[in-house]
């Protein structure tokens, strides 16, 4: 995703529906969204076997 011409990562702060879990008991909020996005970046670092930003973006964009 891009924002103002720069690559960015976004995550929703709204909960996803979980069967048999009332919405008020579901995990939600910006802190959960940030943790979720951070997890994707960590997985991309592992997949890229690198901490170079270009390699991480490449892994994120390829869905690794």
N, C-alpha and C. Protein backbone atom coordinates (compact mmCIF):
# COMPACT_ATOMS: atom_id res chain seq x y z
N UNK A 1 0.85 -1.16 0.00
CA UNK A 1 0.00 0.00 0.00
C UNK A 1 0.91 1.23 0.00
N UNK A 2 0.43 2.27 -0.62
CA UNK A 2 1.18 3.52 -0.60
C UNK A 2 0.32 4.63 0.01
N UNK A 3 0.99 5.56 0.63
CA UNK A 3 0.34 6.72 1.26
C UNK A 3 1.22 7.92 0.97
N UNK A 4 0.68 8.91 0.26
CA UNK A 4 1.45 10.09 -0.13
C UNK A 4 2.73 9.71 -0.86
N UNK A 5 2.62 8.69 -1.71
CA UNK A 5 3.76 8.27 -2.52
C UNK A 5 4.79 7.41 -1.79
N UNK A 6 4.53 7.07 -0.52
CA UNK A 6 5.45 6.23 0.24
C UNK A 6 4.78 4.91 0.58
N UNK A 7 5.57 3.85 0.62
CA UNK A 7 5.03 2.55 1.01
C UNK A 7 4.60 2.61 2.47
N UNK A 8 3.55 1.87 2.78
CA UNK A 8 3.09 1.84 4.16
C UNK A 8 2.44 0.50 4.47
N UNK A 9 2.27 0.25 5.73
CA UNK A 9 1.60 -0.96 6.22
C UNK A 9 0.40 -0.48 7.02
N UNK A 10 -0.73 -1.13 6.83
CA UNK A 10 -1.94 -0.74 7.55
C UNK A 10 -2.60 -1.98 8.14
N UNK A 11 -3.24 -1.78 9.27
CA UNK A 11 -4.00 -2.85 9.91
C UNK A 11 -5.23 -2.22 10.54
N UNK A 12 -6.33 -2.91 10.46
CA UNK A 12 -7.58 -2.39 11.01
C UNK A 12 -7.62 -2.54 12.53
N UNK A 13 -8.12 -1.54 13.19
CA UNK A 13 -8.33 -1.60 14.63
C UNK A 13 -9.66 -2.21 15.01
N UNK A 14 -10.44 -2.58 14.00
CA UNK A 14 -11.76 -3.17 14.25
C UNK A 14 -11.65 -4.69 14.29
N UNK A 15 -12.40 -5.34 15.16
CA UNK A 15 -12.31 -6.80 15.28
C UNK A 15 -12.93 -7.51 14.10
N UNK A 16 -12.42 -8.68 13.82
CA UNK A 16 -13.04 -9.57 12.85
C UNK A 16 -14.07 -10.41 13.61
N UNK A 17 -15.09 -10.84 12.90
CA UNK A 17 -16.07 -11.72 13.53
C UNK A 17 -15.44 -13.05 13.87
N UNK A 18 -15.68 -13.51 15.07
CA UNK A 18 -15.23 -14.83 15.51
C UNK A 18 -16.47 -15.59 15.95
N UNK A 19 -16.71 -16.77 15.39
CA UNK A 19 -17.90 -17.52 15.76
C UNK A 19 -18.00 -17.72 17.28
N UNK A 20 -19.18 -17.48 17.82
CA UNK A 20 -19.50 -17.68 19.23
C UNK A 20 -18.77 -16.75 20.18
N UNK A 21 -18.17 -15.68 19.67
CA UNK A 21 -17.50 -14.69 20.52
C UNK A 21 -18.22 -13.35 20.31
N UNK A 22 -18.80 -12.79 21.39
CA UNK A 22 -19.45 -11.49 21.22
C UNK A 22 -18.44 -10.41 20.86
N UNK A 23 -18.82 -9.44 20.02
CA UNK A 23 -17.88 -8.40 19.57
C UNK A 23 -17.17 -7.68 20.72
N UNK A 24 -17.85 -7.45 21.83
CA UNK A 24 -17.21 -6.75 22.94
C UNK A 24 -16.12 -7.57 23.64
N UNK A 25 -16.07 -8.87 23.38
CA UNK A 25 -15.02 -9.73 23.96
C UNK A 25 -13.89 -10.00 22.99
N UNK A 26 -14.04 -9.53 21.77
CA UNK A 26 -13.04 -9.75 20.73
C UNK A 26 -11.89 -8.75 20.89
N UNK A 27 -10.71 -9.15 20.46
CA UNK A 27 -9.55 -8.26 20.49
C UNK A 27 -9.73 -7.16 19.46
N UNK A 28 -9.47 -5.92 19.86
CA UNK A 28 -9.64 -4.81 18.94
C UNK A 28 -8.80 -3.64 19.41
N UNK A 29 -8.74 -2.63 18.58
CA UNK A 29 -8.04 -1.41 18.95
C UNK A 29 -6.72 -1.26 18.22
N UNK A 30 -6.19 -0.06 18.32
CA UNK A 30 -4.96 0.28 17.60
C UNK A 30 -3.77 -0.55 18.10
N UNK A 31 -3.72 -0.83 19.41
CA UNK A 31 -2.57 -1.61 19.91
C UNK A 31 -2.58 -3.02 19.33
N UNK A 32 -3.76 -3.60 19.15
CA UNK A 32 -3.84 -4.92 18.54
C UNK A 32 -3.46 -4.85 17.07
N UNK A 33 -3.90 -3.79 16.38
CA UNK A 33 -3.58 -3.62 14.97
C UNK A 33 -2.07 -3.47 14.76
N UNK A 34 -1.42 -2.69 15.61
CA UNK A 34 0.03 -2.50 15.51
C UNK A 34 0.76 -3.82 15.74
N UNK A 35 0.31 -4.58 16.72
CA UNK A 35 0.94 -5.88 16.97
C UNK A 35 0.77 -6.81 15.77
N UNK A 36 -0.39 -6.77 15.16
CA UNK A 36 -0.65 -7.60 13.99
C UNK A 36 0.27 -7.21 12.83
N UNK A 37 0.38 -5.91 12.56
CA UNK A 37 1.27 -5.44 11.49
C UNK A 37 2.72 -5.78 11.79
N UNK A 38 3.12 -5.64 13.05
CA UNK A 38 4.50 -5.97 13.44
C UNK A 38 4.80 -7.44 13.20
N UNK A 39 3.81 -8.27 13.43
CA UNK A 39 3.97 -9.70 13.16
C UNK A 39 4.24 -9.99 11.69
N UNK A 40 3.53 -9.28 10.82
CA UNK A 40 3.77 -9.45 9.38
C UNK A 40 5.20 -9.02 9.01
N UNK A 41 5.67 -7.95 9.60
CA UNK A 41 7.03 -7.48 9.32
C UNK A 41 8.05 -8.49 9.84
N UNK A 42 7.81 -9.04 11.02
CA UNK A 42 8.73 -10.05 11.57
C UNK A 42 8.79 -11.28 10.66
N UNK A 43 7.64 -11.72 10.18
CA UNK A 43 7.63 -12.86 9.26
C UNK A 43 8.35 -12.53 7.95
N UNK A 44 8.20 -11.30 7.48
CA UNK A 44 8.89 -10.89 6.25
C UNK A 44 10.40 -10.87 6.45
N UNK A 45 10.85 -10.41 7.64
CA UNK A 45 12.29 -10.43 7.95
C UNK A 45 12.82 -11.85 7.89
N UNK A 46 12.06 -12.78 8.46
CA UNK A 46 12.47 -14.17 8.47
C UNK A 46 12.49 -14.74 7.05
N UNK A 47 11.45 -14.45 6.28
CA UNK A 47 11.37 -14.96 4.91
C UNK A 47 12.48 -14.39 4.04
N UNK A 48 12.79 -13.10 4.25
CA UNK A 48 13.82 -12.45 3.45
C UNK A 48 15.22 -12.82 3.94
N UNK A 49 15.30 -13.36 5.15
CA UNK A 49 16.58 -13.67 5.78
C UNK A 49 17.48 -12.43 5.77
N UNK A 50 16.84 -11.29 6.06
CA UNK A 50 17.53 -10.01 5.99
C UNK A 50 16.79 -8.99 6.83
N UNK A 51 17.50 -7.94 7.24
CA UNK A 51 16.87 -6.82 7.91
C UNK A 51 16.97 -5.55 7.07
N UNK A 52 17.38 -5.69 5.80
CA UNK A 52 17.42 -4.55 4.89
C UNK A 52 16.00 -4.22 4.47
N UNK A 53 15.63 -2.96 4.53
CA UNK A 53 14.26 -2.55 4.26
C UNK A 53 13.80 -2.95 2.86
N UNK A 54 14.67 -2.87 1.88
CA UNK A 54 14.29 -3.26 0.51
C UNK A 54 13.92 -4.74 0.45
N UNK A 55 14.66 -5.57 1.16
CA UNK A 55 14.38 -7.00 1.19
C UNK A 55 13.08 -7.29 1.93
N UNK A 56 12.83 -6.56 2.99
CA UNK A 56 11.60 -6.75 3.77
C UNK A 56 10.39 -6.35 2.94
N UNK A 57 10.45 -5.20 2.26
CA UNK A 57 9.33 -4.78 1.40
C UNK A 57 9.09 -5.82 0.32
N UNK A 58 10.13 -6.34 -0.27
CA UNK A 58 10.00 -7.32 -1.33
C UNK A 58 9.27 -8.56 -0.80
N UNK A 59 9.64 -9.03 0.40
CA UNK A 59 8.99 -10.19 1.00
C UNK A 59 7.52 -9.87 1.32
N UNK A 60 7.25 -8.68 1.86
CA UNK A 60 5.87 -8.30 2.18
C UNK A 60 5.02 -8.23 0.91
N UNK A 61 5.56 -7.64 -0.14
CA UNK A 61 4.80 -7.47 -1.38
C UNK A 61 4.58 -8.78 -2.11
N UNK A 62 5.47 -9.74 -1.89
CA UNK A 62 5.31 -11.03 -2.57
C UNK A 62 4.43 -11.99 -1.76
N UNK A 63 4.08 -11.58 -0.54
CA UNK A 63 3.21 -12.40 0.29
C UNK A 63 3.93 -13.52 1.01
N UNK A 64 5.24 -13.41 1.13
CA UNK A 64 6.00 -14.46 1.83
C UNK A 64 5.78 -14.41 3.31
